[in-house]
Every structure is written in structure tokens, then in C-alpha cells.
Amino acid sequence: MSSTTELVESDILLTPRPYALVPSKFILVPLLPEPKQLPKLPAETWHRILAVAFDSCDRSLIQDIAWERDILLVNKLFNTIATPLFFAHPLIRTLDKFIQFSGRINSRERKPRALDRIPYSTPGRWVHVLDLSKIPCQSGHDASLIDDAMANLFPALPFLSTLLLNQISLSRRTIKSLIGSPNSAGLRTLCGMRDHAPSLVELDGNLSSYDDPILDLLRNCTNLEHLDLVGNGVPDDEMEIYTEEANIPTVEHLHLPNLRVLSLRSISSSGLFLALASSPLPSLRSLTLSPYGSLAFPASLAPLILANHGGKLLSLRFDPQPSFPPSHHQMPSTVLQSCPNLTYLSLANPLPMLHITQLHPLQCLSVPKPTPTFLKEIERVLPYLQNLKFVRLRETRWLPSTMNSHARATGLAGEMGQWKRRLGARGITVLDANGRISEW
């Protein structure tokens, strides 16, 4: 009985003994079934996948930065989809790179577009975040180059929502360029801008001749959610000029209904500070102040801004301005009464006495260094701070457990141990500058 097998041209034949008198042939049979052709994902799905991948990249790691560039070279589809994502948050760390980036944007903006119905050119319309905070500015010439490039760049970025600067003073021309650009109303985050307007002390409290282009900018940025301004510092002798309360002048209010985070660091009592302190900010939840002091107007506006906005705050930070000799003006001792809803409070030296007469929802308290005096102050107000769970010492660190017990019991480490034992008995965790608990 014989059997025949019909061969198909697509079959693969194996001939183990090709030179035999009667060579045999075997058909190669696949062990697994043929894989099914997967359906091709639409471009919209790939866009969502790559958007999540780009958002999860850590731009401080070189390998993640290289991955963003390599993804553009996978194929034509990925290049088309990922290019707008790549330009949405460009990584700029040097002045030369920023000049090249600005030149490319402006050159593409000047070229005629094929479709007149597209009002803005690429890649300018793809940029959503412009982060210049890592660019070193070592001289006035560098600041001038950055300022000129930004003045020409702003009109070509219509969908810019986040602007992070490296604490340079922008010229009036550059700020006017940002005001007149189509992205001013859509700006949601503005950080690192330096204000150099004269203080109210220099103007003797008179705002008739006050002119600040940053104030004009804020009148146009009605959708701001995060504002961080930096000043040139306030000398103590300027804060001590006025010892009696002066009449607070009226200033036109700012319309910032979405502002949630406000940081005013080393800013004098200027018209800009007064406008922010007097304006209704219904969404404000986090505030950073420097300098501070319970002084009379116009020497200090900290009491005014706490009186007007303290009831809405959930987080309050007093940021010490770098000065020598160190400032001796204390923060308001009634800060807990002025801000009855605070859950996070960061204090600076010199630490104040805390006046409180009712229960407070504070959960985390941050101080520079542990001192025996302020430890007693915390223990005194603990009956009113029943929700307090963490005390952070942001300028000190726990000694490693490998250090002997004598080293851990002396000096600053010994004081930290006292805070840990006495506050730990009340159910409060003491954290160091790195947010770590003690290993011993």
C-alpha cells in the first residue's frame, strides 16, 4: 500500500541525504500556526501613546533626552506624530542653543505658508512650554542677548502656556512684545521674572508717577494659575523708615480669577505688590513671601496680603531673602490666626512666637534648624494643633546609623534627637531636609 503526498510550491523540503540512490525528502511542518496580521493602530492612538511617553520622560537624564530624539527616526509615521510633541517642551540649557532655537522659529515664521488658512507657522505653534531657567546668565551681555531673542520670539509662539525664566530683568520692549503677542491671554504659568520697579518707600507712597510694565502684563494674563516674581531685595534700613501706619493708596485691581500659586520673593513694597495684595484672588491657595515683617505701610505689605487672602490659603512659606547681616524682622506672630485653613506652614529665622486661641488644621510645620526655645513654643501650642503630623527641619540632616552614639548626642544632631523624642511622644514625625526619618 502506497501513499502519495501532493507538494505545493510554498512547501519547504528537507533533503537530509541528497546524494543517496533514492534520496528522501521531508516537508518542513511549522510547529506554531501562522501569526495573524495585527490591525494597524490609527495615528490618533499612536499620538496618545507617544504623548504619555514624552510626558513621563525625566529631562534631567541624558538617556531620556536621547530617547526623545531617537523616536523621531523610527519611521515616517512616528516622525510626523512625535515632532509636535518634541517641540512642545524644548530642552534649552545654553545661550547658544536658545539663539539657534529663536532663529529657527523666526526664519520659519517669515517664510510664506502654502495654506493661508493656517495663521501660524511650525514649529512655533507647537511650543507650549518655554523653559529658560537652566540658561546661565553670567554678564550683562548675556542678559541682553536673551532679552533680544525673547522680544523677537514671543509673537511666533501663539500657544505658549508656560514661561520659566532664569531671574533676569526683561526690558520694556520685551514685555510689550509679550503683551502684544497672541499668547498673553493663554499664559498659565509665569515664573522667574525679575521686577525692578521702584518701591513705595522711594515714591513716598505716591502712585501717580508709578509705571511698571509687569503690572501691565498681568492685566492681560487673565488666565494665570502660577505666578513667581523675584525682586532685587529690600534693605533693612528701607523697612525701618516708616514706623507709623500711612494711608494705603488705591490701585486698579487685577483680574486673576484662576491664580492658585503666588510667590513674591525679595520684592519691595511696590505698586505691583500692592495690586496683588489688594486684588481679589478667589482661587489662591499657596503663597510664598519674602521679605516679611509686621511693619507699617509702605515699609511692608505682608500684613495686608495676609489679611486679604489668608483665609483662603492652604500653604504659606516665608522665604528668607539672602542678606548680610541677616534680617532681624520677625514674621507676624498671628500668622495662624490670619490663615485659619493652613495645612502647611514654612517659617524662617528669626522664628516668631505663635499666637493661637482656637483649634487649627495645620498638618506640617517646616523650620530651618531645631532650637530648644522653639521646641518649647511648639509644645506650648500643641493643644491647638491636634492635626499636626510632621515637623520638617529643612536645613539639617540626620546622621547615619553608622555614627556612634556620642556623635548623635552632641551639637545639632543631639538637638534633633531631642525634637524626635519629645515630639515623637505626641505622635509627630520629625523629618530632615531630605524628608527622611531618623535611622536610629
Protein backbone atom coordinates (compact mmCIF):
# COMPACT_ATOMS: atom_id res chain seq x y z
CA MET A 1 0.00 0.00 0.00
CA SER A 2 1.49 3.25 -1.02
CA SER A 3 0.58 6.83 -0.24
CA THR A 4 1.40 9.91 -2.21
CA THR A 5 1.73 13.45 -0.96
CA GLU A 6 0.90 16.36 -3.17
CA LEU A 7 3.55 19.05 -2.94
CA VAL A 8 2.80 22.70 -3.01
CA GLU A 9 5.28 25.22 -4.29
CA SER A 10 5.19 27.07 -0.99
CA ASP A 11 6.25 23.98 0.99
CA ILE A 12 9.79 23.79 2.29
CA LEU A 13 11.51 20.46 1.56
CA LEU A 14 14.35 19.00 3.58
CA THR A 15 16.73 16.54 1.86
CA PRO A 16 18.93 15.00 4.53
CA ARG A 17 20.82 12.63 2.03
CA PRO A 18 20.83 14.34 -1.35
CA TYR A 19 23.47 12.00 -2.88
CA ALA A 20 21.76 8.74 -1.95
CA LEU A 21 20.49 6.42 -4.72
CA VAL A 22 16.95 7.15 -3.65
CA PRO A 23 17.11 10.46 -1.77
CA SER A 24 14.25 11.11 0.55
CA LYS A 25 12.55 14.41 1.05
CA PHE A 26 10.64 15.67 4.07
CA ILE A 27 8.20 18.52 4.27
CA LEU A 28 9.07 21.08 6.94
CA VAL A 29 5.95 21.44 9.05
CA PRO A 30 5.67 24.58 11.26
CA LEU A 31 5.12 23.85 14.93
CA LEU A 32 3.15 27.06 15.51
CA PRO A 33 0.29 28.44 13.48
CA GLU A 34 0.94 31.35 11.21
CA PRO A 35 0.76 34.64 13.14
CA LYS A 36 -2.25 36.75 12.44
CA GLN A 37 -1.72 40.15 11.00
CA LEU A 38 -2.44 42.68 13.73
CA PRO A 39 -4.59 45.61 12.72
CA LYS A 40 -2.70 48.86 12.27
CA LEU A 41 -3.26 51.39 15.02
CA PRO A 42 -4.66 54.71 13.86
CA ALA A 43 -2.48 57.80 14.09
CA GLU A 44 -4.65 59.22 16.89
CA THR A 45 -3.87 56.21 19.10
CA TRP A 46 -0.14 56.49 18.44
CA HIS A 47 -0.35 60.19 19.27
CA ARG A 48 -1.85 59.41 22.68
CA ILE A 49 0.76 56.71 23.35
CA LEU A 50 3.68 58.95 22.43
CA ALA A 51 2.21 61.87 24.36
CA VAL A 52 2.17 59.77 27.54
CA ALA A 53 5.73 58.60 26.82
CA PHE A 54 7.01 62.15 26.31
CA ASP A 55 5.28 63.37 29.48
CA SER A 56 6.87 60.59 31.54
CA CYS A 57 10.42 61.41 30.40
CA ASP A 58 12.82 62.77 33.01
CA ARG A 59 14.62 65.63 31.28
CA SER A 60 17.41 65.56 33.84
CA LEU A 61 18.56 62.18 32.47
CA ILE A 62 20.66 62.08 29.32
CA GLN A 63 19.20 58.76 28.16
CA ASP A 64 15.66 60.14 28.25
CA ILE A 65 16.73 63.19 26.22
CA ALA A 66 18.39 60.91 23.66
CA TRP A 67 15.24 58.76 23.51
CA GLU A 68 13.15 61.79 22.55
CA ARG A 69 15.45 62.47 19.62
CA ASP A 70 15.69 58.82 18.56
CA ILE A 71 11.93 58.36 18.47
CA LEU A 72 11.80 60.83 15.58
CA LEU A 73 13.94 58.44 13.47
CA VAL A 74 11.87 55.26 13.88
CA ASN A 75 9.73 55.76 10.79
CA LYS A 76 7.85 58.41 8.88
CA LEU A 77 4.67 57.96 10.94
CA PHE A 78 6.50 58.44 14.24
CA ASN A 79 8.33 61.46 12.86
CA THR A 80 5.06 63.09 11.84
CA ILE A 81 3.39 62.39 15.19
CA ALA A 82 6.31 62.98 17.56
CA THR A 83 7.71 66.19 16.05
CA PRO A 84 4.97 68.43 17.57
CA LEU A 85 5.44 66.62 20.91
CA PHE A 86 9.20 67.16 20.71
CA PHE A 87 8.81 70.90 20.17
CA ALA A 88 6.03 71.24 22.77
CA HIS A 89 8.64 71.38 25.55
CA PRO A 90 12.07 72.05 24.02
CA LEU A 91 15.11 71.43 26.21
CA ILE A 92 17.27 74.58 26.23
CA ARG A 93 20.22 74.74 28.62
CA THR A 94 22.72 77.06 26.94
CA LEU A 95 22.57 80.52 25.47
CA ASP A 96 23.79 79.33 22.06
CA LYS A 97 21.02 76.73 21.86
CA PHE A 98 18.43 79.37 22.68
CA ILE A 99 19.76 81.72 19.99
CA GLN A 100 19.61 78.86 17.46
CA PHE A 101 16.10 77.92 18.57
CA SER A 102 14.89 81.51 18.30
CA GLY A 103 16.48 81.90 14.87
CA ARG A 104 14.82 78.76 13.56
CA ILE A 105 11.40 79.81 14.82
CA ASN A 106 11.72 83.29 13.32
CA SER A 107 13.03 82.02 9.97
CA ARG A 108 10.08 79.67 9.60
CA GLU A 109 7.71 82.45 10.61
CA ARG A 110 8.99 84.71 7.84
CA LYS A 111 8.59 82.07 5.12
CA PRO A 112 5.32 82.14 3.14
CA ARG A 113 2.96 79.31 4.05
CA ALA A 114 1.31 77.07 1.49
CA LEU A 115 -2.08 77.33 3.15
CA ASP A 116 -3.17 80.81 4.05
CA ARG A 117 -5.82 79.42 6.36
CA ILE A 118 -3.09 78.36 8.85
CA PRO A 119 -2.37 81.57 10.77
CA TYR A 120 0.84 80.42 12.48
CA SER A 121 3.91 78.60 11.26
CA THR A 122 5.59 75.48 12.55
CA PRO A 123 7.34 74.73 14.83
CA GLY A 124 6.29 77.96 16.59
CA ARG A 125 2.69 76.90 17.04
CA TRP A 126 3.80 73.60 18.61
CA VAL A 127 5.66 75.22 21.54
CA HIS A 128 3.66 75.14 24.78
CA VAL A 129 6.43 75.31 27.41
CA LEU A 130 9.47 77.59 27.15
CA ASP A 131 11.91 76.78 29.97
CA LEU A 132 14.90 79.14 30.12
CA SER A 133 15.61 78.64 33.84
CA LYS A 134 18.69 76.47 33.18
CA ILE A 135 20.45 79.01 30.93
CA PRO A 136 23.40 80.60 32.80
CA CYS A 137 23.45 84.38 32.61
CA GLN A 138 26.94 85.47 33.65
CA SER A 139 27.09 89.00 32.30
CA GLY A 140 25.00 91.89 31.11
CA HIS A 141 25.84 90.95 27.53
CA ASP A 142 24.28 87.50 28.03
CA ALA A 143 21.16 89.09 29.52
CA SER A 144 20.94 91.45 26.54
CA LEU A 145 21.16 88.56 24.06
CA ILE A 146 18.44 86.64 25.88
CA ASP A 147 16.25 89.73 26.04
CA ASP A 148 16.60 90.47 22.31
CA ALA A 149 15.89 86.87 21.33
CA MET A 150 12.77 86.76 23.51
CA ALA A 151 11.43 90.03 22.10
CA ASN A 152 11.54 88.54 18.59
CA LEU A 153 10.35 85.10 19.70
CA PHE A 154 7.14 85.85 21.62
CA PRO A 155 4.97 86.84 18.61
CA ALA A 156 5.80 83.50 16.93
CA LEU A 157 4.60 81.35 19.90
CA PRO A 158 0.80 81.66 19.80
CA PHE A 159 0.03 78.73 22.13
CA LEU A 160 2.66 79.30 24.82
CA SER A 161 1.18 78.40 28.21
CA THR A 162 4.26 78.13 30.47
CA LEU A 163 7.19 80.56 30.62
CA LEU A 164 10.07 79.83 33.01
CA LEU A 165 12.82 82.45 33.17
CA ASN A 166 16.24 82.50 34.83
CA GLN A 167 15.55 85.55 37.03
CA ILE A 168 16.67 88.16 34.51
CA SER A 169 15.21 91.64 34.13
CA LEU A 170 13.29 91.87 30.89
CA SER A 171 13.33 95.16 29.05
CA ARG A 172 10.20 97.18 28.49
CA ARG A 173 10.36 96.29 24.78
CA THR A 174 10.33 92.55 25.52
CA ILE A 175 7.45 92.81 27.98
CA LYS A 176 5.47 94.90 25.49
CA SER A 177 6.19 92.22 22.89
CA LEU A 178 4.73 89.59 25.22
CA ILE A 179 1.70 91.79 25.94
CA GLY A 180 1.01 92.30 22.23
CA SER A 181 1.56 88.66 21.30
CA PRO A 182 -1.40 86.28 20.86
CA ASN A 183 -0.18 84.09 23.75
CA SER A 184 -0.53 86.60 26.61
CA ALA A 185 -4.14 85.67 27.35
CA GLY A 186 -3.35 81.95 27.28
CA LEU A 187 -0.33 82.13 29.60
CA ARG A 188 -0.95 79.98 32.69
CA THR A 189 2.47 79.78 34.36
CA LEU A 190 4.95 82.65 34.65
CA CYS A 191 7.99 82.02 36.85
CA GLY A 192 11.37 83.65 37.42
CA MET A 193 10.56 87.14 36.13
CA ARG A 194 12.50 89.87 37.94
CA ASP A 195 10.74 93.07 38.98
CA HIS A 196 12.91 96.16 39.32
CA ALA A 197 10.23 98.82 39.76
CA PRO A 198 10.77 101.46 42.48
CA SER A 199 9.31 100.75 45.90
CA LEU A 200 6.58 102.77 47.55
CA VAL A 201 9.16 103.95 50.08
CA GLU A 202 11.13 105.57 47.28
CA LEU A 203 7.92 107.08 45.88
CA ASP A 204 6.84 108.21 49.37
CA GLY A 205 3.63 106.19 48.96
CA ASN A 206 2.55 108.15 45.85
CA LEU A 207 1.45 106.03 42.87
CA SER A 208 0.69 108.90 40.50
CA SER A 209 4.06 108.51 38.74
CA TYR A 210 4.29 104.72 39.12
CA ASP A 211 4.83 102.81 35.88
CA ASP A 212 5.58 99.09 35.85
CA PRO A 213 5.36 97.09 32.59
CA ILE A 214 4.97 93.83 34.56
CA LEU A 215 1.78 95.24 36.06
CA ASP A 216 0.51 95.91 32.53
CA LEU A 217 1.45 92.34 31.60
CA LEU A 218 -0.58 90.88 34.47
CA ARG A 219 -3.61 92.87 33.36
CA ASN A 220 -3.51 90.94 30.08
CA CYS A 221 -2.68 87.50 31.54
CA THR A 222 -6.14 86.85 32.94
CA ASN A 223 -5.75 83.05 32.90
CA LEU A 224 -2.62 82.85 35.07
CA GLU A 225 -2.56 79.95 37.53
CA HIS A 226 1.04 80.15 38.83
CA LEU A 227 2.98 83.41 39.27
CA ASP A 228 6.53 83.64 40.62
CA LEU A 229 8.18 87.07 40.78
CA VAL A 230 11.68 87.88 42.04
CA GLY A 231 12.94 91.28 43.19
CA ASN A 232 16.30 92.81 43.95
CA GLY A 233 15.89 92.55 47.71
CA VAL A 234 14.86 95.06 50.34
CA PRO A 235 17.48 96.53 52.72
CA ASP A 236 16.54 96.67 56.38
CA ASP A 237 17.11 100.42 56.58
CA GLU A 238 14.39 100.90 53.97
CA MET A 239 11.96 98.82 56.03
CA GLU A 240 12.68 100.93 59.12
CA ILE A 241 11.90 104.31 57.55
CA TYR A 242 8.21 104.15 58.39
CA THR A 243 7.14 103.38 61.92
CA GLU A 244 3.57 104.68 61.73
CA GLU A 245 0.77 103.47 59.51
CA ALA A 246 0.29 105.53 56.34
CA ASN A 247 -2.77 105.78 54.15
CA ILE A 248 -2.84 102.96 51.62
CA PRO A 249 -3.38 104.39 48.12
CA THR A 250 -5.98 102.90 45.84
CA VAL A 251 -4.77 100.88 42.88
CA GLU A 252 -6.64 99.30 40.00
CA HIS A 253 -7.39 95.66 40.82
CA LEU A 254 -6.04 92.80 38.78
CA HIS A 255 -8.41 90.23 37.30
CA LEU A 256 -6.75 86.88 38.06
CA PRO A 257 -9.61 84.50 38.89
CA ASN A 258 -7.56 81.31 38.32
CA LEU A 259 -4.37 82.22 40.21
CA ARG A 260 -3.64 79.34 42.62
CA VAL A 261 0.09 79.72 43.42
CA LEU A 262 1.72 83.09 44.12
CA SER A 263 5.39 83.62 45.01
CA LEU A 264 6.80 87.08 45.79
CA ARG A 265 10.48 86.72 46.67
CA SER A 266 12.75 89.61 47.65
CA ILE A 267 10.22 92.08 46.28
CA SER A 268 9.91 95.51 47.83
CA SER A 269 6.59 97.13 48.69
CA SER A 270 5.94 98.21 45.12
CA GLY A 271 2.79 99.06 43.26
CA LEU A 272 2.80 95.54 41.80
CA PHE A 273 2.89 94.04 45.31
CA LEU A 274 0.10 96.39 46.39
CA ALA A 275 -2.04 95.45 43.38
CA LEU A 276 -1.67 91.73 44.13
CA ALA A 277 -2.35 92.27 47.84
CA SER A 278 -5.47 94.35 47.18
CA SER A 279 -6.97 92.41 44.26
CA PRO A 280 -9.50 89.63 44.84
CA LEU A 281 -7.79 86.30 44.14
CA PRO A 282 -10.56 83.76 44.72
CA SER A 283 -8.51 80.68 43.72
CA LEU A 284 -5.31 81.48 45.67
CA ARG A 285 -4.21 78.51 47.79
CA SER A 286 -0.40 78.74 48.04
CA LEU A 287 1.65 81.84 48.92
CA THR A 288 5.40 82.44 49.30
CA LEU A 289 6.53 85.74 50.83
CA SER A 290 9.89 87.46 51.21
CA PRO A 291 10.68 89.74 52.96
CA TYR A 292 8.31 89.63 55.89
CA GLY A 293 7.69 91.81 58.86
CA SER A 294 4.84 93.31 60.89
CA LEU A 295 5.81 96.84 59.90
CA ALA A 296 3.73 99.80 58.89
CA PHE A 297 2.78 100.57 55.30
CA PRO A 298 4.55 101.31 52.99
CA ALA A 299 7.56 99.57 54.57
CA SER A 300 5.85 96.16 54.47
CA LEU A 301 2.81 94.75 52.69
CA ALA A 302 2.96 91.28 54.26
CA PRO A 303 0.25 92.04 56.86
CA LEU A 304 -2.01 93.43 54.12
CA ILE A 305 -1.74 90.42 51.83
CA LEU A 306 -2.27 88.02 54.75
CA ALA A 307 -5.29 89.98 55.94
CA ASN A 308 -6.89 89.94 52.49
CA HIS A 309 -6.00 86.41 51.34
CA GLY A 310 -5.04 84.47 54.48
CA GLY A 311 -8.46 82.88 54.88
CA LYS A 312 -8.13 81.02 51.55
CA LEU A 313 -4.54 79.78 51.94
CA LEU A 314 -3.67 76.12 52.40
CA SER A 315 0.11 76.57 52.10
CA LEU A 316 2.23 79.51 53.30
CA ARG A 317 6.00 79.85 53.00
CA PHE A 318 8.16 82.63 54.39
CA ASP A 319 11.25 82.56 52.19
CA PRO A 320 14.25 84.35 53.77
CA GLN A 321 15.97 86.75 51.39
CA PRO A 322 19.77 86.45 51.29
CA SER A 323 21.22 89.42 53.13
CA PHE A 324 24.16 90.30 55.34
CA PRO A 325 23.83 90.97 58.13
CA PRO A 326 20.80 88.69 58.49
CA SER A 327 17.43 90.37 58.79
CA HIS A 328 16.10 90.79 62.33
CA HIS A 329 12.47 91.40 61.34
CA GLN A 330 10.21 88.63 62.58
CA MET A 331 7.23 87.18 60.79
CA PRO A 332 3.74 88.07 62.02
CA SER A 333 3.07 86.19 65.25
CA THR A 334 -0.64 85.98 64.37
CA VAL A 335 0.00 84.01 61.17
CA LEU A 336 -2.08 81.05 62.35
CA GLN A 337 -4.98 83.33 63.23
CA SER A 338 -4.74 85.18 59.90
CA CYS A 339 -4.68 81.88 57.98
CA PRO A 340 -7.20 79.61 59.73
CA ASN A 341 -7.20 76.92 56.99
CA LEU A 342 -3.45 76.35 56.61
CA THR A 343 -2.23 72.76 56.33
CA TYR A 344 1.42 73.62 55.54
CA LEU A 345 3.48 76.42 57.12
CA SER A 346 7.16 77.13 56.48
CA LEU A 347 8.85 79.59 58.85
CA ALA A 348 12.19 81.38 58.61
CA ASN A 349 14.61 82.88 61.10
CA PRO A 350 14.07 84.65 63.40
CA LEU A 351 11.29 82.30 64.47
CA PRO A 352 8.23 84.06 65.91
CA MET A 353 6.06 83.40 68.92
CA LEU A 354 2.87 81.75 67.72
CA HIS A 355 -0.36 83.31 68.98
CA ILE A 356 -3.32 80.98 68.70
CA THR A 357 -6.55 80.73 70.66
CA GLN A 358 -8.54 78.06 68.80
CA LEU A 359 -8.07 74.72 67.08
CA HIS A 360 -6.12 74.86 63.83
CA PRO A 361 -5.93 72.25 60.99
CA LEU A 362 -2.14 72.61 60.46
CA GLN A 363 -0.58 69.28 59.40
CA CYS A 364 3.05 70.09 58.53
CA LEU A 365 5.38 72.69 60.04
CA SER A 366 8.77 73.50 58.50
CA VAL A 367 11.56 75.35 60.32
CA PRO A 368 15.22 75.99 59.36
CA LYS A 369 17.04 74.42 62.32
CA PRO A 370 16.00 72.96 65.66
CA THR A 371 16.37 75.20 68.72
CA PRO A 372 15.39 74.49 72.33
CA THR A 373 13.39 77.73 72.52
CA PHE A 374 11.17 76.97 69.55
CA LEU A 375 10.70 73.37 70.66
CA LYS A 376 9.08 74.71 73.83
CA GLU A 377 7.00 77.04 71.66
CA ILE A 378 5.72 74.10 69.61
CA GLU A 379 4.89 72.14 72.75
CA ARG A 380 3.01 75.17 74.09
CA VAL A 381 0.68 75.41 71.07
CA LEU A 382 0.29 71.65 70.50
CA PRO A 383 -3.12 71.54 72.26
CA TYR A 384 -4.42 73.73 69.41
CA LEU A 385 -2.61 71.76 66.66
CA GLN A 386 -4.23 68.37 67.01
CA ASN A 387 -3.78 67.56 63.30
CA LEU A 388 -0.03 68.24 63.27
CA LYS A 389 1.71 65.12 61.89
CA PHE A 390 5.08 66.30 60.56
CA VAL A 391 7.78 68.76 61.59
CA ARG A 392 10.48 69.25 58.98
CA LEU A 393 13.97 70.60 59.70
CA ARG A 394 14.83 71.78 56.19
CA GLU A 395 18.47 72.84 56.81
CA THR A 396 19.67 69.80 58.74
CA ARG A 397 20.08 66.09 58.03
CA TRP A 398 20.04 63.02 60.20
CA LEU A 399 23.40 61.44 60.93
CA PRO A 400 23.72 57.90 59.52
CA SER A 401 23.24 54.99 61.87
CA THR A 402 26.93 54.08 61.46
CA MET A 403 27.90 57.08 63.61
CA ASN A 404 28.46 56.30 67.28
CA SER A 405 26.03 57.34 69.99
CA HIS A 406 28.29 60.13 71.29
CA ALA A 407 28.27 61.90 67.89
CA ARG A 408 24.48 61.58 67.67
CA ALA A 409 24.01 63.08 71.12
CA THR A 410 26.04 66.26 70.69
CA GLY A 411 25.60 69.50 68.79
CA LEU A 412 22.88 69.88 66.20
CA ALA A 413 22.38 66.12 65.94
CA GLY A 414 21.69 65.98 69.67
CA GLU A 415 19.08 68.74 69.38
CA MET A 416 17.44 66.85 66.51
CA GLY A 417 17.30 63.80 68.74
CA GLN A 418 15.58 65.86 71.45
CA TRP A 419 12.95 67.00 68.93
CA LYS A 420 12.46 63.42 67.77
CA ARG A 421 11.92 62.06 71.29
CA ARG A 422 9.71 64.83 72.66
CA LEU A 423 7.58 65.31 69.55
CA GLY A 424 7.50 61.59 68.78
CA ALA A 425 5.81 61.05 72.13
CA ARG A 426 2.99 63.26 70.80
CA GLY A 427 2.67 61.24 67.58
CA ILE A 428 4.59 63.77 65.43
CA THR A 429 7.21 62.62 62.91
CA VAL A 430 10.38 64.72 62.59
CA LEU A 431 11.81 64.88 59.05
CA ASP A 432 15.16 66.24 57.87
CA ALA A 433 15.98 68.30 54.78
CA ASN A 434 15.63 65.22 52.55
CA GLY A 435 12.25 64.32 54.00
CA ARG A 436 13.68 61.25 55.76
CA ILE A 437 13.00 59.96 59.22
CA SER A 438 15.78 59.00 61.62
CA GLU A 439 17.57 55.68 61.13
CA TRP A 440 18.33 55.37 64.84
